[in-house]
Amino acid sequence: MKIFVALVIGILFGAGLVISGMSNPANVLNFLDLAAISKGMWDARLMFVMAGGLLVTAIGFPWLMRRAQPIFADKFTWPTTSAIDKRLVVGAALFGIGWGLAGYCPGPAFANIGASMGTSVRDMLFFIPTMFVGMWVATKFR
């Protein structure tokens, strides 16, 4: 049942990325490119996607905190630290740099597998294996 629920949630998340246009790297890059404002090409959709995520979190997190246990698991697995350390800062910086250069992060990349939302199959065949190599390298430095 847990795998089925994860699959349904993943499909819903991917569909949301495609419907919102966030699986198209041009939309993401046009949001991140501040020079696009002066050219009239700035795309504010990502801001609304982030605001929607914050709204869902603002409603859902307090509800989760009141529950004794999750619906499909024995217990909650909460983060064990809230420290802002070197690993967090470097990881966030690398993620942001990669996202800014490619216009992709893992979610939209997987949503684009087999799709041609302004990207080519060649882009996905390069990005996804490279992403996995980066994840592997990160585990080796841990």
N, C-alpha and C. Protein backbone atom coordinates (compact mmCIF):
# COMPACT_ATOMS: atom_id res chain seq x y z
N MET A 1 0.82 -1.20 0.00
CA MET A 1 0.00 0.00 0.00
C MET A 1 0.87 1.27 0.00
N LYS A 2 1.99 1.24 0.76
CA LYS A 2 2.86 2.42 0.81
C LYS A 2 3.41 2.74 -0.56
N ILE A 3 3.80 1.72 -1.32
CA ILE A 3 4.35 1.95 -2.66
C ILE A 3 3.29 2.53 -3.58
N PHE A 4 2.06 2.02 -3.50
CA PHE A 4 0.97 2.54 -4.32
C PHE A 4 0.69 4.00 -3.99
N VAL A 5 0.64 4.34 -2.71
CA VAL A 5 0.39 5.73 -2.30
C VAL A 5 1.53 6.63 -2.78
N ALA A 6 2.78 6.16 -2.66
CA ALA A 6 3.92 6.94 -3.15
C ALA A 6 3.82 7.16 -4.65
N LEU A 7 3.41 6.14 -5.39
CA LEU A 7 3.26 6.26 -6.84
C LEU A 7 2.19 7.30 -7.18
N VAL A 8 1.05 7.23 -6.52
CA VAL A 8 -0.04 8.18 -6.78
C VAL A 8 0.40 9.61 -6.46
N ILE A 9 1.08 9.79 -5.33
CA ILE A 9 1.55 11.13 -4.95
C ILE A 9 2.59 11.63 -5.95
N GLY A 10 3.48 10.75 -6.40
CA GLY A 10 4.48 11.13 -7.39
C GLY A 10 3.85 11.54 -8.71
N ILE A 11 2.84 10.80 -9.15
CA ILE A 11 2.13 11.15 -10.39
C ILE A 11 1.42 12.48 -10.23
N LEU A 12 0.79 12.69 -9.09
CA LEU A 12 0.10 13.96 -8.82
C LEU A 12 1.09 15.12 -8.81
N PHE A 13 2.25 14.91 -8.17
CA PHE A 13 3.28 15.95 -8.13
C PHE A 13 3.79 16.26 -9.54
N GLY A 14 4.08 15.22 -10.31
CA GLY A 14 4.56 15.42 -11.69
C GLY A 14 3.54 16.12 -12.55
N ALA A 15 2.26 15.74 -12.40
CA ALA A 15 1.20 16.40 -13.17
C ALA A 15 1.12 17.87 -12.79
N GLY A 16 1.27 18.18 -11.50
CA GLY A 16 1.27 19.57 -11.06
C GLY A 16 2.40 20.37 -11.66
N LEU A 17 3.58 19.74 -11.76
CA LEU A 17 4.72 20.42 -12.38
C LEU A 17 4.47 20.72 -13.85
N VAL A 18 3.89 19.73 -14.54
CA VAL A 18 3.62 19.92 -15.98
C VAL A 18 2.53 20.97 -16.17
N ILE A 19 1.44 20.88 -15.41
CA ILE A 19 0.32 21.82 -15.56
C ILE A 19 0.76 23.25 -15.23
N SER A 20 1.59 23.41 -14.21
CA SER A 20 2.03 24.75 -13.81
C SER A 20 3.11 25.31 -14.73
N GLY A 21 3.65 24.46 -15.60
CA GLY A 21 4.71 24.90 -16.51
C GLY A 21 6.10 24.84 -15.90
N MET A 22 6.22 24.30 -14.68
CA MET A 22 7.52 24.27 -14.02
C MET A 22 8.41 23.14 -14.51
N SER A 23 7.88 22.27 -15.37
CA SER A 23 8.75 21.25 -15.97
C SER A 23 9.46 21.80 -17.20
N ASN A 24 9.11 22.99 -17.62
CA ASN A 24 9.77 23.66 -18.74
C ASN A 24 10.89 24.53 -18.18
N PRO A 25 12.15 24.19 -18.45
CA PRO A 25 13.25 24.95 -17.85
C PRO A 25 13.26 26.42 -18.25
N ALA A 26 12.70 26.76 -19.39
CA ALA A 26 12.67 28.17 -19.80
C ALA A 26 11.85 29.00 -18.82
N ASN A 27 10.75 28.44 -18.30
CA ASN A 27 9.93 29.17 -17.33
C ASN A 27 10.70 29.42 -16.04
N VAL A 28 11.44 28.41 -15.60
CA VAL A 28 12.22 28.54 -14.37
C VAL A 28 13.34 29.56 -14.58
N LEU A 29 14.05 29.44 -15.70
CA LEU A 29 15.16 30.36 -15.96
C LEU A 29 14.66 31.80 -16.14
N ASN A 30 13.47 31.98 -16.73
CA ASN A 30 12.92 33.33 -16.88
C ASN A 30 12.48 33.91 -15.54
N PHE A 31 12.24 33.06 -14.54
CA PHE A 31 11.96 33.57 -13.19
C PHE A 31 13.27 33.94 -12.49
N LEU A 32 14.28 33.10 -12.63
CA LEU A 32 15.55 33.32 -11.94
C LEU A 32 16.38 34.44 -12.56
N ASP A 33 16.15 34.77 -13.82
CA ASP A 33 16.93 35.79 -14.53
C ASP A 33 16.35 37.18 -14.24
N LEU A 34 17.00 37.89 -13.34
CA LEU A 34 16.50 39.22 -12.98
C LEU A 34 16.61 40.21 -14.12
N ALA A 35 17.53 39.98 -15.05
CA ALA A 35 17.65 40.86 -16.22
C ALA A 35 16.42 40.73 -17.12
N ALA A 36 15.69 39.62 -17.01
CA ALA A 36 14.49 39.43 -17.83
C ALA A 36 13.40 40.42 -17.47
N ILE A 37 13.46 40.99 -16.26
CA ILE A 37 12.46 41.98 -15.85
C ILE A 37 12.49 43.18 -16.78
N SER A 38 13.69 43.68 -17.04
CA SER A 38 13.81 44.87 -17.90
C SER A 38 13.45 44.56 -19.35
N LYS A 39 13.54 43.30 -19.75
CA LYS A 39 13.20 42.90 -21.11
C LYS A 39 11.72 42.54 -21.24
N GLY A 40 10.99 42.56 -20.12
CA GLY A 40 9.58 42.18 -20.15
C GLY A 40 9.37 40.68 -20.30
N MET A 41 10.40 39.90 -19.98
CA MET A 41 10.31 38.45 -20.15
C MET A 41 10.27 37.71 -18.81
N TRP A 42 10.22 38.44 -17.69
CA TRP A 42 10.24 37.79 -16.38
C TRP A 42 8.97 36.98 -16.20
N ASP A 43 9.10 35.76 -15.72
CA ASP A 43 7.97 34.85 -15.57
C ASP A 43 7.71 34.64 -14.08
N ALA A 44 6.60 35.15 -13.57
CA ALA A 44 6.30 35.10 -12.14
C ALA A 44 5.62 33.81 -11.71
N ARG A 45 5.36 32.87 -12.64
CA ARG A 45 4.62 31.65 -12.27
C ARG A 45 5.28 30.86 -11.15
N LEU A 46 6.60 30.80 -11.13
CA LEU A 46 7.28 30.03 -10.09
C LEU A 46 6.98 30.61 -8.71
N MET A 47 6.83 31.92 -8.62
CA MET A 47 6.50 32.55 -7.35
C MET A 47 5.14 32.05 -6.85
N PHE A 48 4.19 31.90 -7.75
CA PHE A 48 2.87 31.42 -7.37
C PHE A 48 2.90 29.93 -7.02
N VAL A 49 3.73 29.16 -7.69
CA VAL A 49 3.90 27.74 -7.34
C VAL A 49 4.48 27.63 -5.93
N MET A 50 5.51 28.44 -5.64
CA MET A 50 6.11 28.44 -4.30
C MET A 50 5.09 28.89 -3.25
N ALA A 51 4.30 29.91 -3.57
CA ALA A 51 3.28 30.38 -2.62
C ALA A 51 2.25 29.28 -2.37
N GLY A 52 1.87 28.55 -3.40
CA GLY A 52 0.95 27.44 -3.22
C GLY A 52 1.53 26.36 -2.32
N GLY A 53 2.82 26.07 -2.48
CA GLY A 53 3.49 25.10 -1.62
C GLY A 53 3.54 25.57 -0.17
N LEU A 54 3.80 26.85 0.03
CA LEU A 54 3.81 27.40 1.38
C LEU A 54 2.43 27.35 2.02
N LEU A 55 1.39 27.61 1.23
CA LEU A 55 0.03 27.56 1.75
C LEU A 55 -0.34 26.14 2.19
N VAL A 56 -0.03 25.16 1.34
CA VAL A 56 -0.31 23.76 1.69
C VAL A 56 0.46 23.37 2.94
N THR A 57 1.73 23.80 3.05
CA THR A 57 2.54 23.49 4.22
C THR A 57 1.99 24.18 5.46
N ALA A 58 1.58 25.43 5.32
CA ALA A 58 1.05 26.17 6.47
C ALA A 58 -0.21 25.51 7.02
N ILE A 59 -1.00 24.90 6.16
CA ILE A 59 -2.21 24.21 6.60
C ILE A 59 -1.89 22.79 7.05
N GLY A 60 -1.08 22.08 6.28
CA GLY A 60 -0.84 20.67 6.53
C GLY A 60 0.08 20.37 7.69
N PHE A 61 1.10 21.19 7.91
CA PHE A 61 2.07 20.89 8.96
C PHE A 61 1.45 20.91 10.35
N PRO A 62 0.67 21.94 10.70
CA PRO A 62 0.03 21.90 12.03
C PRO A 62 -0.91 20.70 12.19
N TRP A 63 -1.59 20.33 11.12
CA TRP A 63 -2.47 19.15 11.17
C TRP A 63 -1.65 17.89 11.45
N LEU A 64 -0.50 17.76 10.76
CA LEU A 64 0.37 16.60 11.00
C LEU A 64 0.91 16.58 12.42
N MET A 65 1.27 17.72 12.95
CA MET A 65 1.83 17.79 14.30
C MET A 65 0.83 17.33 15.36
N ARG A 66 -0.45 17.42 15.08
CA ARG A 66 -1.48 16.98 16.04
C ARG A 66 -1.74 15.48 15.97
N ARG A 67 -1.28 14.83 14.91
CA ARG A 67 -1.53 13.39 14.75
C ARG A 67 -0.55 12.57 15.58
N ALA A 68 -1.02 11.46 16.09
CA ALA A 68 -0.16 10.57 16.88
C ALA A 68 0.79 9.78 15.98
N GLN A 69 0.33 9.42 14.78
CA GLN A 69 1.18 8.68 13.84
C GLN A 69 0.68 8.91 12.43
N PRO A 70 1.55 8.67 11.45
CA PRO A 70 1.14 8.85 10.06
C PRO A 70 0.10 7.80 9.65
N ILE A 71 -0.54 8.03 8.53
CA ILE A 71 -1.58 7.12 8.06
C ILE A 71 -0.97 5.83 7.54
N PHE A 72 0.13 5.90 6.81
CA PHE A 72 0.71 4.72 6.16
C PHE A 72 2.07 4.31 6.73
N ALA A 73 2.35 4.66 7.97
CA ALA A 73 3.62 4.27 8.60
C ALA A 73 3.39 4.11 10.10
N ASP A 74 4.37 3.51 10.76
CA ASP A 74 4.26 3.30 12.20
C ASP A 74 4.56 4.55 13.00
N LYS A 75 5.48 5.37 12.48
CA LYS A 75 5.86 6.58 13.20
C LYS A 75 6.33 7.65 12.22
N PHE A 76 6.33 8.89 12.68
CA PHE A 76 6.86 9.99 11.89
C PHE A 76 8.38 9.94 11.93
N THR A 77 9.02 10.38 10.86
CA THR A 77 10.46 10.52 10.81
C THR A 77 10.77 12.00 10.61
N TRP A 78 10.99 12.69 11.71
CA TRP A 78 11.25 14.12 11.66
C TRP A 78 12.75 14.36 11.57
N PRO A 79 13.17 15.51 11.05
CA PRO A 79 14.60 15.83 11.02
C PRO A 79 15.17 15.81 12.44
N THR A 80 16.40 15.37 12.56
CA THR A 80 17.02 15.27 13.89
C THR A 80 17.82 16.51 14.26
N THR A 81 18.02 17.41 13.32
CA THR A 81 18.79 18.62 13.62
C THR A 81 18.17 19.82 12.90
N SER A 82 18.40 20.97 13.46
CA SER A 82 17.96 22.20 12.80
C SER A 82 19.16 23.13 12.56
N ALA A 83 20.36 22.58 12.72
CA ALA A 83 21.57 23.37 12.57
C ALA A 83 21.81 23.73 11.10
N ILE A 84 22.26 24.95 10.90
CA ILE A 84 22.68 25.40 9.58
C ILE A 84 24.19 25.22 9.55
N ASP A 85 24.63 24.12 8.94
CA ASP A 85 26.05 23.80 8.93
C ASP A 85 26.61 23.88 7.51
N LYS A 86 27.90 23.56 7.39
CA LYS A 86 28.59 23.66 6.10
C LYS A 86 27.94 22.76 5.06
N ARG A 87 27.58 21.52 5.44
CA ARG A 87 26.96 20.59 4.49
C ARG A 87 25.66 21.16 3.92
N LEU A 88 24.85 21.75 4.78
CA LEU A 88 23.57 22.31 4.33
C LEU A 88 23.80 23.48 3.38
N VAL A 89 24.69 24.37 3.75
CA VAL A 89 24.95 25.57 2.93
C VAL A 89 25.55 25.18 1.58
N VAL A 90 26.54 24.29 1.58
CA VAL A 90 27.18 23.87 0.33
C VAL A 90 26.17 23.11 -0.54
N GLY A 91 25.40 22.22 0.06
CA GLY A 91 24.40 21.46 -0.69
C GLY A 91 23.35 22.38 -1.31
N ALA A 92 22.86 23.34 -0.53
CA ALA A 92 21.86 24.28 -1.04
C ALA A 92 22.44 25.14 -2.16
N ALA A 93 23.70 25.56 -2.00
CA ALA A 93 24.34 26.37 -3.04
C ALA A 93 24.52 25.57 -4.33
N LEU A 94 24.98 24.33 -4.21
CA LEU A 94 25.14 23.50 -5.41
C LEU A 94 23.80 23.23 -6.08
N PHE A 95 22.77 22.96 -5.29
CA PHE A 95 21.43 22.75 -5.85
C PHE A 95 20.99 24.00 -6.60
N GLY A 96 21.12 25.16 -5.97
CA GLY A 96 20.68 26.41 -6.59
C GLY A 96 21.46 26.76 -7.84
N ILE A 97 22.78 26.52 -7.81
CA ILE A 97 23.60 26.80 -8.99
C ILE A 97 23.20 25.87 -10.14
N GLY A 98 23.03 24.59 -9.82
CA GLY A 98 22.61 23.64 -10.85
C GLY A 98 21.24 23.98 -11.41
N TRP A 99 20.32 24.36 -10.55
CA TRP A 99 18.98 24.71 -10.97
C TRP A 99 19.02 25.95 -11.85
N GLY A 100 19.83 26.92 -11.46
CA GLY A 100 19.94 28.15 -12.23
C GLY A 100 20.60 27.95 -13.58
N LEU A 101 21.57 27.04 -13.66
CA LEU A 101 22.25 26.78 -14.93
C LEU A 101 21.40 25.93 -15.88
N ALA A 102 20.77 24.90 -15.34
CA ALA A 102 20.05 23.95 -16.20
C ALA A 102 18.56 24.24 -16.29
N GLY A 103 18.00 24.90 -15.29
CA GLY A 103 16.56 25.12 -15.27
C GLY A 103 15.80 23.90 -14.77
N TYR A 104 16.52 22.91 -14.31
CA TYR A 104 15.90 21.68 -13.80
C TYR A 104 16.32 21.42 -12.37
N CYS A 105 15.43 20.82 -11.64
CA CYS A 105 15.77 20.15 -10.39
C CYS A 105 15.17 18.75 -10.54
N PRO A 106 15.42 17.83 -9.60
CA PRO A 106 15.01 16.44 -9.83
C PRO A 106 13.53 16.23 -10.19
N GLY A 107 12.63 16.90 -9.50
CA GLY A 107 11.20 16.70 -9.79
C GLY A 107 10.82 16.99 -11.23
N PRO A 108 11.08 18.20 -11.73
CA PRO A 108 10.76 18.49 -13.13
C PRO A 108 11.53 17.63 -14.12
N ALA A 109 12.75 17.23 -13.78
CA ALA A 109 13.51 16.38 -14.70
C ALA A 109 12.79 15.06 -14.90
N PHE A 110 12.33 14.45 -13.82
CA PHE A 110 11.61 13.18 -13.95
C PHE A 110 10.25 13.38 -14.61
N ALA A 111 9.62 14.52 -14.35
CA ALA A 111 8.33 14.80 -14.99
C ALA A 111 8.49 14.93 -16.50
N ASN A 112 9.68 15.31 -16.94
CA ASN A 112 9.94 15.52 -18.36
C ASN A 112 10.39 14.27 -19.10
N ILE A 113 10.59 13.16 -18.40
CA ILE A 113 11.03 11.95 -19.09
C ILE A 113 9.99 11.59 -20.14
N GLY A 114 10.43 11.51 -21.37
CA GLY A 114 9.53 11.13 -22.47
C GLY A 114 8.65 12.26 -22.98
N ALA A 115 8.74 13.43 -22.36
CA ALA A 115 7.92 14.57 -22.80
C ALA A 115 8.79 15.51 -23.61
N SER A 116 8.15 16.35 -24.39
CA SER A 116 8.90 17.35 -25.14
C SER A 116 8.36 18.72 -24.80
N MET A 117 8.45 19.08 -23.52
CA MET A 117 7.96 20.37 -23.02
C MET A 117 9.03 21.44 -23.24
N GLY A 118 9.42 21.66 -24.49
CA GLY A 118 10.45 22.64 -24.77
C GLY A 118 11.85 22.07 -24.57
N THR A 119 11.91 20.80 -24.26
CA THR A 119 13.22 20.17 -24.08
C THR A 119 13.29 18.98 -25.02
N SER A 120 14.48 18.47 -25.19
CA SER A 120 14.63 17.29 -26.03
C SER A 120 14.93 16.08 -25.17
N VAL A 121 14.74 14.92 -25.75
CA VAL A 121 15.08 13.69 -25.06
C VAL A 121 16.56 13.69 -24.73
N ARG A 122 17.38 14.28 -25.58
CA ARG A 122 18.82 14.36 -25.34
C ARG A 122 19.12 15.09 -24.04
N ASP A 123 18.37 16.16 -23.75
CA ASP A 123 18.58 16.89 -22.49
C ASP A 123 18.36 15.98 -21.29
N MET A 124 17.29 15.20 -21.33
CA MET A 124 16.98 14.31 -20.21
C MET A 124 17.99 13.17 -20.11
N LEU A 125 18.44 12.68 -21.27
CA LEU A 125 19.43 11.60 -21.26
C LEU A 125 20.78 12.07 -20.71
N PHE A 126 21.01 13.36 -20.74
CA PHE A 126 22.24 13.91 -20.15
C PHE A 126 22.00 14.30 -18.70
N PHE A 127 20.90 15.02 -18.42
CA PHE A 127 20.69 15.58 -17.09
C PHE A 127 20.48 14.51 -16.03
N ILE A 128 19.61 13.55 -16.28
CA ILE A 128 19.27 12.58 -15.23
C ILE A 128 20.46 11.70 -14.84
N PRO A 129 21.21 11.12 -15.79
CA PRO A 129 22.40 10.37 -15.34
C PRO A 129 23.42 11.25 -14.62
N THR A 130 23.59 12.49 -15.07
CA THR A 130 24.51 13.40 -14.42
C THR A 130 24.05 13.70 -12.99
N MET A 131 22.73 13.84 -12.81
CA MET A 131 22.17 14.07 -11.48
C MET A 131 22.49 12.88 -10.56
N PHE A 132 22.33 11.66 -11.07
CA PHE A 132 22.64 10.48 -10.27
C PHE A 132 24.13 10.40 -9.93
N VAL A 133 24.98 10.79 -10.86
CA VAL A 133 26.42 10.82 -10.58
C VAL A 133 26.69 11.83 -9.45
N GLY A 134 26.06 12.98 -9.52
CA GLY A 134 26.22 13.98 -8.47
C GLY A 134 25.75 13.47 -7.12
N MET A 135 24.63 12.75 -7.10
CA MET A 135 24.15 12.17 -5.84
C MET A 135 25.13 11.13 -5.31
N TRP A 136 25.70 10.34 -6.20
CA TRP A 136 26.67 9.32 -5.79
C TRP A 136 27.92 9.98 -5.22
N VAL A 137 28.40 11.03 -5.90
CA VAL A 137 29.59 11.75 -5.42
C VAL A 137 29.29 12.36 -4.05
N ALA A 138 28.10 12.91 -3.87
CA ALA A 138 27.74 13.50 -2.57
C ALA A 138 27.77 12.47 -1.45
N THR A 139 27.33 11.24 -1.73
CA THR A 139 27.37 10.20 -0.69
C THR A 139 28.81 9.81 -0.36
N LYS A 140 29.70 9.90 -1.34
CA LYS A 140 31.09 9.56 -1.09
C LYS A 140 31.79 10.61 -0.22
N PHE A 141 31.35 11.87 -0.28
CA PHE A 141 31.94 12.93 0.52
C PHE A 141 31.31 13.02 1.91
N ARG A 142 30.22 12.32 2.12
CA ARG A 142 29.52 12.37 3.40
C ARG A 142 30.31 11.69 4.42
